[in-house]
Amino acid sequence: GFWEDAVIDNIDEQYDRLVQHLRDSAKSAEDPARRQRAAARAAGNYRLMSELAKRCREARKEDLKERRAAVLSEAAEGGKPNDSNFNLCMMPTKEQVEATPGTPLTKGMPE
């Protein structure tokens, strides 16, 4: 039904945001190594560049493993790190909020 589809859509959106966050975090974790790699490339030191590239890949994989484990353990506990009362299934969809003027999310907004 409608509610099931809305819940699934919300879950899909949250999952996509989580995956993007994990990717962004992994990239920022490897930034210093990336800069070193670029410097090695500019200096023509391809052996060092190759070694740094390998370290970047390993660091990214390790970071993703750790983050994935943390997310899975939180999901198994049924919680969210910053908001223990968060319930994804109870979140209104964008359409529901827009269709209900005067809700806390739309209160004071021009109709």
N, C-alpha and C. Protein backbone atom coordinates (compact mmCIF):
# COMPACT_ATOMS: atom_id res chain seq x y z
N GLY A 1 0.80 -1.19 0.00
CA GLY A 1 0.00 0.00 0.00
C GLY A 1 0.84 1.25 0.00
N PHE A 2 0.16 2.35 0.12
CA PHE A 2 0.81 3.66 0.10
C PHE A 2 1.85 3.80 1.22
N TRP A 3 1.46 3.42 2.45
CA TRP A 3 2.36 3.61 3.59
C TRP A 3 3.61 2.75 3.46
N GLU A 4 3.42 1.52 2.99
CA GLU A 4 4.58 0.64 2.83
C GLU A 4 5.55 1.23 1.81
N ASP A 5 5.01 1.73 0.70
CA ASP A 5 5.85 2.34 -0.33
C ASP A 5 6.59 3.57 0.22
N ALA A 6 5.87 4.37 1.01
CA ALA A 6 6.48 5.57 1.57
C ALA A 6 7.62 5.19 2.53
N VAL A 7 7.39 4.17 3.34
CA VAL A 7 8.42 3.73 4.29
C VAL A 7 9.63 3.20 3.53
N ILE A 8 9.39 2.40 2.50
CA ILE A 8 10.49 1.84 1.71
C ILE A 8 11.26 2.96 1.02
N ASP A 9 10.55 3.96 0.50
CA ASP A 9 11.23 5.10 -0.14
C ASP A 9 12.11 5.84 0.86
N ASN A 10 11.58 6.05 2.08
CA ASN A 10 12.36 6.73 3.11
C ASN A 10 13.60 5.93 3.47
N ILE A 11 13.44 4.63 3.61
CA ILE A 11 14.59 3.77 3.94
C ILE A 11 15.62 3.84 2.83
N ASP A 12 15.16 3.78 1.58
CA ASP A 12 16.09 3.86 0.45
C ASP A 12 16.85 5.18 0.45
N GLU A 13 16.16 6.28 0.73
CA GLU A 13 16.82 7.59 0.78
C GLU A 13 17.86 7.63 1.88
N GLN A 14 17.49 7.13 3.06
CA GLN A 14 18.43 7.12 4.19
C GLN A 14 19.65 6.26 3.87
N TYR A 15 19.42 5.11 3.24
CA TYR A 15 20.52 4.22 2.88
C TYR A 15 21.45 4.89 1.88
N ASP A 16 20.88 5.54 0.87
CA ASP A 16 21.70 6.23 -0.13
C ASP A 16 22.54 7.33 0.51
N ARG A 17 21.93 8.07 1.45
CA ARG A 17 22.69 9.12 2.13
C ARG A 17 23.82 8.52 2.97
N LEU A 18 23.54 7.39 3.63
CA LEU A 18 24.57 6.73 4.43
C LEU A 18 25.73 6.27 3.55
N VAL A 19 25.43 5.65 2.43
CA VAL A 19 26.48 5.18 1.53
C VAL A 19 27.31 6.35 1.03
N GLN A 20 26.66 7.44 0.65
CA GLN A 20 27.40 8.62 0.19
C GLN A 20 28.27 9.19 1.30
N HIS A 21 27.74 9.22 2.52
CA HIS A 21 28.51 9.71 3.66
C HIS A 21 29.74 8.85 3.89
N LEU A 22 29.58 7.52 3.80
CA LEU A 22 30.71 6.62 3.99
C LEU A 22 31.77 6.86 2.91
N ARG A 23 31.33 7.05 1.69
CA ARG A 23 32.29 7.30 0.60
C ARG A 23 33.02 8.63 0.82
N ASP A 24 32.27 9.66 1.18
CA ASP A 24 32.89 10.97 1.42
C ASP A 24 33.89 10.90 2.57
N SER A 25 33.52 10.18 3.64
CA SER A 25 34.41 10.06 4.79
C SER A 25 35.68 9.32 4.43
N ALA A 26 35.54 8.27 3.63
CA ALA A 26 36.72 7.51 3.22
C ALA A 26 37.65 8.38 2.38
N LYS A 27 37.07 9.19 1.51
CA LYS A 27 37.90 10.07 0.67
C LYS A 27 38.64 11.09 1.52
N SER A 28 37.95 11.68 2.50
CA SER A 28 38.61 12.69 3.32
C SER A 28 39.67 12.05 4.22
N ALA A 29 39.49 10.79 4.59
CA ALA A 29 40.47 10.10 5.42
C ALA A 29 41.78 9.88 4.67
N GLU A 30 41.70 9.77 3.37
CA GLU A 30 42.91 9.50 2.59
C GLU A 30 43.51 10.76 1.97
N ASP A 31 42.97 11.93 2.24
CA ASP A 31 43.47 13.16 1.62
C ASP A 31 44.96 13.40 1.81
N PRO A 32 45.53 13.24 3.03
CA PRO A 32 46.98 13.47 3.17
C PRO A 32 47.80 12.54 2.25
N ALA A 33 47.41 11.29 2.17
CA ALA A 33 48.13 10.36 1.31
C ALA A 33 47.96 10.75 -0.16
N ARG A 34 46.81 11.28 -0.50
CA ARG A 34 46.59 11.73 -1.89
C ARG A 34 47.54 12.87 -2.23
N ARG A 35 47.70 13.80 -1.30
CA ARG A 35 48.60 14.93 -1.55
C ARG A 35 50.04 14.45 -1.72
N GLN A 36 50.45 13.49 -0.87
CA GLN A 36 51.80 12.94 -0.99
C GLN A 36 51.96 12.24 -2.34
N ARG A 37 50.93 11.54 -2.75
CA ARG A 37 50.98 10.83 -4.03
C ARG A 37 51.12 11.82 -5.19
N ALA A 38 50.38 12.91 -5.12
CA ALA A 38 50.47 13.93 -6.17
C ALA A 38 51.87 14.54 -6.21
N ALA A 39 52.46 14.76 -5.03
CA ALA A 39 53.81 15.31 -4.98
C ALA A 39 54.82 14.33 -5.58
N ALA A 40 54.64 13.05 -5.29
CA ALA A 40 55.53 12.02 -5.85
C ALA A 40 55.39 11.96 -7.36
N ARG A 41 54.17 12.09 -7.84
CA ARG A 41 53.93 12.08 -9.29
C ARG A 41 54.62 13.28 -9.94
N ALA A 42 54.48 14.44 -9.31
CA ALA A 42 55.08 15.66 -9.86
C ALA A 42 56.61 15.55 -9.89
N ALA A 43 57.16 14.84 -8.89
CA ALA A 43 58.61 14.69 -8.83
C ALA A 43 59.10 13.57 -9.75
N GLY A 44 58.17 12.83 -10.32
CA GLY A 44 58.55 11.74 -11.21
C GLY A 44 58.94 10.46 -10.49
N ASN A 45 58.62 10.38 -9.19
CA ASN A 45 58.97 9.19 -8.39
C ASN A 45 57.80 8.20 -8.46
N TYR A 46 57.76 7.41 -9.51
CA TYR A 46 56.62 6.53 -9.74
C TYR A 46 56.58 5.35 -8.78
N ARG A 47 57.73 4.92 -8.28
CA ARG A 47 57.73 3.83 -7.30
C ARG A 47 57.04 4.29 -6.01
N LEU A 48 57.40 5.48 -5.53
CA LEU A 48 56.76 6.03 -4.33
C LEU A 48 55.28 6.28 -4.60
N MET A 49 54.97 6.80 -5.77
CA MET A 49 53.57 7.07 -6.13
C MET A 49 52.75 5.78 -6.08
N SER A 50 53.30 4.70 -6.60
CA SER A 50 52.61 3.42 -6.60
C SER A 50 52.39 2.91 -5.17
N GLU A 51 53.40 3.05 -4.33
CA GLU A 51 53.29 2.61 -2.94
C GLU A 51 52.23 3.43 -2.20
N LEU A 52 52.22 4.74 -2.42
CA LEU A 52 51.22 5.59 -1.78
C LEU A 52 49.82 5.28 -2.28
N ALA A 53 49.68 4.96 -3.55
CA ALA A 53 48.37 4.59 -4.09
C ALA A 53 47.86 3.33 -3.41
N LYS A 54 48.77 2.38 -3.19
CA LYS A 54 48.38 1.14 -2.51
C LYS A 54 47.93 1.44 -1.09
N ARG A 55 48.67 2.31 -0.40
CA ARG A 55 48.30 2.69 0.97
C ARG A 55 46.94 3.38 0.99
N CYS A 56 46.67 4.23 -0.01
CA CYS A 56 45.37 4.91 -0.09
C CYS A 56 44.25 3.89 -0.19
N ARG A 57 44.43 2.92 -1.06
CA ARG A 57 43.38 1.90 -1.24
C ARG A 57 43.17 1.11 0.04
N GLU A 58 44.26 0.73 0.69
CA GLU A 58 44.16 -0.04 1.94
C GLU A 58 43.48 0.79 3.03
N ALA A 59 43.86 2.06 3.14
CA ALA A 59 43.26 2.93 4.16
C ALA A 59 41.77 3.10 3.91
N ARG A 60 41.40 3.27 2.64
CA ARG A 60 39.99 3.42 2.31
C ARG A 60 39.21 2.17 2.66
N LYS A 61 39.74 1.00 2.31
CA LYS A 61 39.06 -0.26 2.62
C LYS A 61 38.91 -0.44 4.12
N GLU A 62 39.98 -0.16 4.87
CA GLU A 62 39.93 -0.33 6.32
C GLU A 62 38.93 0.64 6.95
N ASP A 63 38.94 1.88 6.50
CA ASP A 63 38.01 2.88 7.03
C ASP A 63 36.57 2.47 6.76
N LEU A 64 36.30 2.01 5.55
CA LEU A 64 34.94 1.57 5.21
C LEU A 64 34.53 0.37 6.04
N LYS A 65 35.45 -0.56 6.27
CA LYS A 65 35.14 -1.74 7.09
C LYS A 65 34.75 -1.31 8.50
N GLU A 66 35.55 -0.40 9.08
CA GLU A 66 35.26 0.06 10.44
C GLU A 66 33.92 0.79 10.51
N ARG A 67 33.67 1.67 9.56
CA ARG A 67 32.41 2.42 9.57
C ARG A 67 31.22 1.50 9.34
N ARG A 68 31.37 0.56 8.42
CA ARG A 68 30.29 -0.38 8.14
C ARG A 68 29.99 -1.21 9.38
N ALA A 69 31.03 -1.66 10.09
CA ALA A 69 30.83 -2.44 11.31
C ALA A 69 30.10 -1.61 12.37
N ALA A 70 30.47 -0.34 12.49
CA ALA A 70 29.81 0.53 13.47
C ALA A 70 28.34 0.72 13.12
N VAL A 71 28.05 0.94 11.84
CA VAL A 71 26.66 1.14 11.42
C VAL A 71 25.85 -0.13 11.64
N LEU A 72 26.43 -1.27 11.30
CA LEU A 72 25.71 -2.53 11.47
C LEU A 72 25.46 -2.83 12.94
N SER A 73 26.43 -2.55 13.80
CA SER A 73 26.22 -2.81 15.22
C SER A 73 25.14 -1.89 15.79
N GLU A 74 25.12 -0.63 15.33
CA GLU A 74 24.06 0.27 15.78
C GLU A 74 22.70 -0.18 15.27
N ALA A 75 22.66 -0.64 14.03
CA ALA A 75 21.40 -1.11 13.48
C ALA A 75 20.91 -2.34 14.24
N ALA A 76 21.84 -3.21 14.63
CA ALA A 76 21.47 -4.40 15.39
C ALA A 76 20.92 -4.02 16.76
N GLU A 77 21.45 -2.95 17.34
CA GLU A 77 20.97 -2.48 18.63
C GLU A 77 19.68 -1.68 18.48
N GLY A 78 19.36 -1.29 17.27
CA GLY A 78 18.12 -0.55 17.03
C GLY A 78 18.23 0.92 17.36
N GLY A 79 19.42 1.46 17.42
CA GLY A 79 19.58 2.86 17.78
C GLY A 79 20.25 3.67 16.71
N LYS A 80 20.33 4.95 16.99
CA LYS A 80 21.04 5.88 16.12
C LYS A 80 21.97 6.67 17.03
N PRO A 81 23.17 6.99 16.62
CA PRO A 81 24.14 7.57 17.54
C PRO A 81 23.69 8.83 18.26
N ASN A 82 23.10 9.78 17.57
CA ASN A 82 22.80 11.07 18.19
C ASN A 82 21.36 11.21 18.65
N ASP A 83 20.50 10.27 18.32
CA ASP A 83 19.09 10.43 18.64
C ASP A 83 18.49 9.07 18.93
N SER A 84 18.38 8.73 20.20
CA SER A 84 17.89 7.40 20.56
C SER A 84 16.40 7.24 20.27
N ASN A 85 15.68 8.33 20.08
CA ASN A 85 14.25 8.23 19.79
C ASN A 85 13.94 8.25 18.31
N PHE A 86 14.96 8.27 17.46
CA PHE A 86 14.77 8.33 16.02
C PHE A 86 14.13 7.04 15.53
N ASN A 87 13.06 7.18 14.73
CA ASN A 87 12.40 6.01 14.16
C ASN A 87 12.14 6.33 12.70
N LEU A 88 12.87 5.68 11.82
CA LEU A 88 12.77 5.95 10.39
C LEU A 88 11.37 5.70 9.87
N CYS A 89 10.69 4.69 10.41
CA CYS A 89 9.35 4.35 9.92
C CYS A 89 8.32 5.42 10.27
N MET A 90 8.61 6.24 11.26
CA MET A 90 7.64 7.25 11.68
C MET A 90 7.89 8.60 11.01
N MET A 91 8.93 8.70 10.20
CA MET A 91 9.21 9.97 9.53
C MET A 91 8.19 10.23 8.44
N PRO A 92 7.66 11.44 8.39
CA PRO A 92 6.72 11.74 7.31
C PRO A 92 7.46 11.90 5.99
N THR A 93 6.80 11.56 4.92
CA THR A 93 7.39 11.77 3.61
C THR A 93 7.25 13.24 3.24
N LYS A 94 7.96 13.68 2.25
CA LYS A 94 7.89 15.06 1.78
C LYS A 94 6.46 15.39 1.37
N GLU A 95 5.81 14.44 0.68
CA GLU A 95 4.44 14.66 0.22
C GLU A 95 3.48 14.83 1.40
N GLN A 96 3.69 14.04 2.46
CA GLN A 96 2.82 14.14 3.63
C GLN A 96 2.98 15.50 4.30
N VAL A 97 4.21 15.96 4.42
CA VAL A 97 4.46 17.25 5.06
C VAL A 97 3.84 18.37 4.24
N GLU A 98 4.03 18.32 2.93
CA GLU A 98 3.48 19.36 2.06
C GLU A 98 1.96 19.34 2.05
N ALA A 99 1.36 18.18 2.23
CA ALA A 99 -0.09 18.05 2.19
C ALA A 99 -0.74 18.42 3.52
N THR A 100 0.06 18.65 4.56
CA THR A 100 -0.49 18.93 5.88
C THR A 100 0.01 20.27 6.39
N PRO A 101 -0.63 21.38 5.97
CA PRO A 101 -0.20 22.69 6.47
C PRO A 101 -0.41 22.78 7.97
N GLY A 102 0.48 23.49 8.65
CA GLY A 102 0.34 23.67 10.09
C GLY A 102 1.04 22.61 10.90
N THR A 103 1.68 21.63 10.26
CA THR A 103 2.44 20.65 11.01
C THR A 103 3.69 21.33 11.54
N PRO A 104 4.34 20.76 12.56
CA PRO A 104 5.52 21.42 13.11
C PRO A 104 6.58 21.76 12.06
N LEU A 105 6.68 20.96 11.01
CA LEU A 105 7.69 21.22 9.98
C LEU A 105 7.30 22.35 9.05
N THR A 106 6.00 22.64 8.96
CA THR A 106 5.55 23.68 8.03
C THR A 106 4.91 24.86 8.75
N LYS A 107 4.82 24.81 10.07
CA LYS A 107 4.18 25.88 10.82
C LYS A 107 4.88 27.21 10.55
N GLY A 108 4.12 28.21 10.27
CA GLY A 108 4.66 29.53 10.03
C GLY A 108 5.12 29.75 8.60
N MET A 109 5.07 28.72 7.78
CA MET A 109 5.47 28.88 6.38
C MET A 109 4.28 29.38 5.58
N PRO A 110 4.51 30.21 4.59
CA PRO A 110 3.38 30.67 3.77
C PRO A 110 2.78 29.50 3.01
N GLU A 111 1.46 29.52 2.91
CA GLU A 111 0.78 28.40 2.25
C GLU A 111 0.48 28.70 0.82
